[in-house]
Amino acid sequence: MTNGVTIGQAAAFVGVTVKTVRHYHKLGVAEEPERDSSGYRRYGSADLLRLVRVRTLAAAGVPLAEIGRLLDTDAAPFAAALADVERQLTERIEELIARRDTLHRLADGDRALLPDHAVALLERMPGLGFTPDEVAATRDGWVLAKALVPEGFDEYLTDVEHALEDTRFVALLRRGAEAAAWDPDDPRIPELATAAAEHYLANPAQLKVVTGLQARTEAATRYKLIAHHGEEQGSAAARLGALVEAKLRAAGVRLPRPDAH
């Protein structure tokens, strides 16, 4: 009676494919048994036990290249190596969870690019009278701000949240949004710039909405990208923004200069 089983039987008993068993042999994690007198390789109980151990470690996430070393080592190093593999798996799991959460946020629109605090404020804006286009412009500006000045973005959002409680501040914002459609030479633009600057100077807490997003490095460049995002050169919005900034600088407020690099 022939001892042992064929590679097909061994694979079936262990729960893998023949191709997988041959791959184990190729990598050297399980030795290929000798051929019997009939020319066939027969797998005995020791061979099957080795294949089961290899399969179990591989299923647990241990790289195949490391399995041979692990199985041939003593108990203490084996336990230490498994602990290291567990640590690596935990890191991978955390990374995958983070990716899954990002996918969930992508499915929820703005939440992929902005924190919940920002999304909640955007959701409030229509109730304050802002149009969908104005909300979208604010969202895009905040996405840019978060990327360019991440260290100050959370505090900035808190300042915006408090400012939105002031109906006068909201009215100024809405008036500024309306002004984007005006002619650049409209005489109302200097009047609105004066009203906005005076409001900010009279309300230092709300002034931080203008001054808060200043980065530690390349401050002028980052500030200009954020503060003037979406503005076309020579437009009413660009003129209004420049006038407000000039009036605030004249009053001693520190803002990056438009010609700074």
Protein backbone atom coordinates (compact mmCIF):
# COMPACT_ATOMS: atom_id res chain seq x y z
CA MET A 1 0.00 0.00 0.00
CA THR A 2 1.41 3.37 -1.01
CA ASN A 3 2.11 5.77 1.86
CA GLY A 4 1.07 9.41 1.66
CA VAL A 5 -1.25 11.33 -0.63
CA THR A 6 -0.91 13.09 -3.95
CA ILE A 7 -0.40 16.84 -4.24
CA GLY A 8 -4.04 17.21 -5.28
CA GLN A 9 -5.22 15.38 -2.18
CA ALA A 10 -2.79 17.30 0.03
CA ALA A 11 -4.06 20.63 -1.33
CA ALA A 12 -7.68 19.60 -0.78
CA PHE A 13 -7.02 18.37 2.76
CA VAL A 14 -5.19 21.59 3.70
CA GLY A 15 -7.72 23.87 2.02
CA VAL A 16 -5.60 25.44 -0.71
CA THR A 17 -5.08 24.90 -4.43
CA VAL A 18 -2.41 22.76 -6.07
CA LYS A 19 -0.99 25.96 -7.53
CA THR A 20 -0.65 27.37 -4.01
CA VAL A 21 1.15 24.26 -2.76
CA ARG A 22 3.59 24.51 -5.67
CA HIS A 23 4.09 28.20 -4.86
CA TYR A 24 4.96 27.25 -1.26
CA HIS A 25 7.55 24.84 -2.63
CA LYS A 26 8.98 27.43 -4.99
CA LEU A 27 9.45 29.92 -2.13
CA GLY A 28 10.96 27.26 0.08
CA VAL A 29 8.46 27.58 2.92
CA ALA A 30 7.49 23.93 2.54
CA GLU A 31 9.81 21.25 1.18
CA GLU A 32 8.72 19.17 -1.76
CA PRO A 33 8.55 15.48 -0.79
CA GLU A 34 10.67 12.88 -2.55
CA ARG A 35 9.17 10.82 -5.36
CA ASP A 36 8.15 7.29 -4.56
CA SER A 37 9.02 4.20 -6.61
CA SER A 38 6.23 4.97 -9.05
CA GLY A 39 7.59 8.47 -9.69
CA TYR A 40 4.92 10.39 -7.79
CA ARG A 41 5.46 12.76 -4.89
CA ARG A 42 3.58 11.59 -1.84
CA TYR A 43 2.71 13.89 1.06
CA GLY A 44 2.88 12.37 4.52
CA SER A 45 1.42 13.67 7.79
CA ALA A 46 4.50 15.84 8.51
CA ASP A 47 4.22 17.43 5.07
CA LEU A 48 0.54 18.13 5.61
CA LEU A 49 1.20 19.63 9.03
CA ARG A 50 3.79 21.98 7.51
CA LEU A 51 1.35 23.02 4.78
CA VAL A 52 -1.37 23.70 7.37
CA ARG A 53 1.00 25.89 9.37
CA VAL A 54 2.10 27.80 6.28
CA ARG A 55 -1.49 28.32 5.15
CA THR A 56 -2.56 29.49 8.63
CA LEU A 57 0.26 32.02 8.93
CA ALA A 58 -0.32 33.27 5.39
CA ALA A 59 -4.04 33.69 6.10
CA ALA A 60 -3.15 35.66 9.23
CA GLY A 61 -1.22 38.14 7.12
CA VAL A 62 2.33 36.94 7.62
CA PRO A 63 4.32 37.53 4.40
CA LEU A 64 5.23 34.25 2.73
CA ALA A 65 8.87 35.31 2.56
CA GLU A 66 8.98 35.34 6.38
CA ILE A 67 7.00 32.18 7.10
CA GLY A 68 9.86 29.73 6.56
CA ARG A 69 12.06 31.59 9.03
CA LEU A 70 9.25 31.76 11.58
CA LEU A 71 8.44 28.07 11.41
CA ASP A 72 12.08 27.10 11.79
CA THR A 73 12.78 29.30 14.81
CA ASP A 74 12.39 28.71 18.56
CA ALA A 75 9.28 29.58 20.54
CA ALA A 76 10.43 32.95 21.91
CA PRO A 77 11.57 34.45 18.59
CA PHE A 78 8.46 33.01 16.97
CA ALA A 79 6.23 34.83 19.46
CA ALA A 80 8.19 38.08 19.02
CA ALA A 81 7.94 37.82 15.24
CA LEU A 82 4.19 37.23 15.44
CA ALA A 83 3.84 40.28 17.68
CA ASP A 84 5.64 42.34 15.06
CA VAL A 85 3.36 41.01 12.34
CA GLU A 86 0.36 41.85 14.50
CA ARG A 87 1.62 45.42 14.88
CA GLN A 88 2.00 45.74 11.11
CA LEU A 89 -1.47 44.33 10.54
CA THR A 90 -2.94 46.78 13.04
CA GLU A 91 -1.34 49.66 11.17
CA ARG A 92 -2.74 48.36 7.88
CA ILE A 93 -6.18 47.95 9.42
CA GLU A 94 -6.11 51.54 10.71
CA GLU A 95 -5.03 52.76 7.28
CA LEU A 96 -7.83 50.80 5.59
CA ILE A 97 -10.39 52.14 8.07
CA ALA A 98 -9.19 55.66 7.32
CA ARG A 99 -9.57 55.00 3.59
CA ARG A 100 -13.04 53.57 4.11
CA ASP A 101 -14.03 56.64 6.13
CA THR A 102 -12.76 58.85 3.32
CA LEU A 103 -14.91 56.93 0.84
CA HIS A 104 -17.92 57.44 3.09
CA ARG A 105 -17.16 61.15 3.25
CA LEU A 106 -16.79 61.28 -0.54
CA ALA A 107 -20.27 59.81 -0.83
CA ASP A 108 -21.44 62.64 1.42
CA GLY A 109 -20.04 65.39 -0.81
CA ASP A 110 -18.33 68.20 1.12
CA ARG A 111 -17.34 65.94 4.02
CA ALA A 112 -14.52 64.41 1.97
CA LEU A 113 -12.64 67.71 1.86
CA LEU A 114 -13.88 69.63 4.89
CA PRO A 115 -14.37 68.83 8.59
CA ASP A 116 -17.86 68.43 10.01
CA HIS A 117 -17.66 71.91 11.58
CA ALA A 118 -17.21 73.51 8.15
CA VAL A 119 -19.97 71.41 6.59
CA ALA A 120 -22.37 72.44 9.36
CA LEU A 121 -21.64 76.12 8.71
CA LEU A 122 -22.16 75.67 4.97
CA GLU A 123 -25.49 74.02 5.68
CA ARG A 124 -26.50 77.06 7.74
CA MET A 125 -25.76 79.58 5.01
CA PRO A 126 -28.89 79.10 2.85
CA GLY A 127 -31.00 79.87 5.91
CA LEU A 128 -29.10 83.13 6.28
CA GLY A 129 -30.03 84.17 2.75
CA PHE A 130 -27.00 83.02 0.75
CA THR A 131 -27.58 81.59 -2.70
CA PRO A 132 -26.34 78.13 -3.75
CA ASP A 133 -23.61 79.77 -5.85
CA GLU A 134 -22.45 81.81 -2.87
CA VAL A 135 -22.38 78.74 -0.66
CA ALA A 136 -20.41 76.85 -3.33
CA ALA A 137 -17.90 79.71 -3.60
CA THR A 138 -17.48 79.72 0.17
CA ARG A 139 -16.97 75.95 0.18
CA ASP A 140 -14.28 76.14 -2.50
CA GLY A 141 -12.52 78.93 -0.61
CA TRP A 142 -12.57 76.91 2.59
CA VAL A 143 -11.18 73.81 0.88
CA LEU A 144 -8.29 75.94 -0.36
CA ALA A 145 -7.82 77.57 3.04
CA LYS A 146 -7.72 74.24 4.83
CA ALA A 147 -5.03 73.00 2.45
CA LEU A 148 -2.89 76.16 2.62
CA VAL A 149 -3.25 77.03 6.32
CA PRO A 150 -4.28 73.80 8.08
CA GLU A 151 -2.88 74.87 11.43
CA GLY A 152 -5.27 77.83 11.73
CA PHE A 153 -8.35 76.49 9.98
CA ASP A 154 -10.24 75.13 12.99
CA GLU A 155 -9.87 78.40 14.90
CA TYR A 156 -10.92 80.30 11.78
CA LEU A 157 -14.13 78.26 11.57
CA THR A 158 -14.92 79.06 15.19
CA ASP A 159 -14.44 82.78 14.45
CA VAL A 160 -16.77 82.49 11.43
CA GLU A 161 -19.38 80.64 13.49
CA HIS A 162 -19.44 83.39 16.11
CA ALA A 163 -19.50 86.13 13.47
CA LEU A 164 -22.52 84.57 11.76
CA GLU A 165 -24.51 85.22 14.92
CA ASP A 166 -24.25 88.95 14.14
CA THR A 167 -26.92 89.99 11.64
CA ARG A 168 -24.85 93.05 10.66
CA PHE A 169 -21.92 90.82 9.69
CA VAL A 170 -24.21 88.56 7.67
CA ALA A 171 -25.69 91.59 5.92
CA LEU A 172 -22.21 92.80 4.96
CA LEU A 173 -21.27 89.40 3.59
CA ARG A 174 -24.42 89.24 1.51
CA ARG A 175 -23.89 92.77 0.27
CA GLY A 176 -20.33 91.85 -0.70
CA ALA A 177 -21.60 88.84 -2.60
CA GLU A 178 -24.09 91.01 -4.45
CA ALA A 179 -21.35 93.51 -5.29
CA ALA A 180 -19.55 90.87 -7.37
CA ALA A 181 -22.12 91.53 -10.09
CA TRP A 182 -21.61 95.31 -10.06
CA ASP A 183 -19.55 97.31 -12.52
CA PRO A 184 -15.97 97.75 -11.19
CA ASP A 185 -16.46 101.56 -11.26
CA ASP A 186 -19.74 101.46 -9.36
CA PRO A 187 -19.65 104.28 -6.73
CA ARG A 188 -21.25 101.93 -4.21
CA ILE A 189 -18.05 99.87 -4.01
CA PRO A 190 -16.00 102.45 -2.02
CA GLU A 191 -19.00 103.03 0.24
CA LEU A 192 -19.35 99.31 0.91
CA ALA A 193 -15.58 98.97 1.48
CA THR A 194 -15.73 101.77 4.08
CA ALA A 195 -18.71 100.17 5.81
CA ALA A 196 -17.00 96.77 5.90
CA ALA A 197 -13.69 98.14 7.21
CA GLU A 198 -15.44 100.18 9.90
CA HIS A 199 -17.46 97.15 10.98
CA TYR A 200 -14.35 94.97 11.30
CA LEU A 201 -12.46 97.65 13.23
CA ALA A 202 -15.41 98.07 15.60
CA ASN A 203 -15.63 94.30 16.11
CA PRO A 204 -12.13 92.87 16.70
CA ALA A 205 -13.44 89.34 17.17
CA GLN A 206 -14.92 89.42 13.67
CA LEU A 207 -11.77 91.03 12.27
CA LYS A 208 -10.09 87.67 12.90
CA VAL A 209 -12.18 86.28 10.03
CA VAL A 210 -10.03 88.48 7.79
CA THR A 211 -6.69 88.20 9.59
CA GLY A 212 -6.87 84.64 10.93
CA LEU A 213 -5.71 82.65 7.92
CA GLN A 214 -2.08 83.72 7.80
CA ALA A 215 0.45 80.93 7.38
CA ARG A 216 3.82 80.74 9.09
CA THR A 217 5.68 80.38 5.79
CA GLU A 218 5.07 82.13 2.48
CA ALA A 219 2.37 84.09 4.31
CA ALA A 220 1.76 86.68 1.59
CA THR A 221 1.43 84.14 -1.21
CA ARG A 222 -0.89 81.86 0.76
CA TYR A 223 -2.97 84.79 2.00
CA LYS A 224 -3.49 86.14 -1.53
CA LEU A 225 -4.50 82.72 -2.84
CA ILE A 226 -7.13 82.38 -0.12
CA ALA A 227 -8.38 85.95 0.24
CA HIS A 228 -8.69 86.58 -3.48
CA HIS A 229 -9.76 83.10 -4.60
CA GLY A 230 -12.24 83.27 -7.47
CA GLU A 231 -11.74 86.99 -8.08
CA GLU A 232 -11.08 88.12 -11.63
CA GLN A 233 -8.51 90.85 -12.04
CA GLY A 234 -10.21 94.23 -12.42
CA SER A 235 -13.58 92.89 -11.27
CA ALA A 236 -15.87 94.56 -8.76
CA ALA A 237 -15.06 91.85 -6.23
CA ALA A 238 -11.33 92.40 -6.66
CA ARG A 239 -11.70 96.16 -6.26
CA LEU A 240 -13.89 95.78 -3.17
CA GLY A 241 -11.44 93.37 -1.55
CA ALA A 242 -8.47 95.59 -2.28
CA LEU A 243 -10.21 98.66 -0.87
CA VAL A 244 -11.22 96.88 2.35
CA GLU A 245 -7.67 95.61 2.85
CA ALA A 246 -6.19 99.05 2.19
CA LYS A 247 -8.47 100.67 4.74
CA LEU A 248 -7.65 98.01 7.35
CA ARG A 249 -3.90 98.42 6.75
CA ALA A 250 -4.27 102.19 7.07
CA ALA A 251 -5.88 101.57 10.47
CA GLY A 252 -2.90 99.48 11.58
CA VAL A 253 -4.21 95.99 10.85
CA ARG A 254 -1.43 93.65 9.75
CA LEU A 255 -2.27 92.08 6.40
CA PRO A 256 0.16 90.85 3.73
CA ARG A 257 0.78 93.43 1.02
CA PRO A 258 -0.61 92.68 -2.44
CA ASP A 259 2.86 93.15 -3.98
CA ALA A 260 4.67 90.94 -1.42
CA HIS A 261 6.21 87.63 -2.46
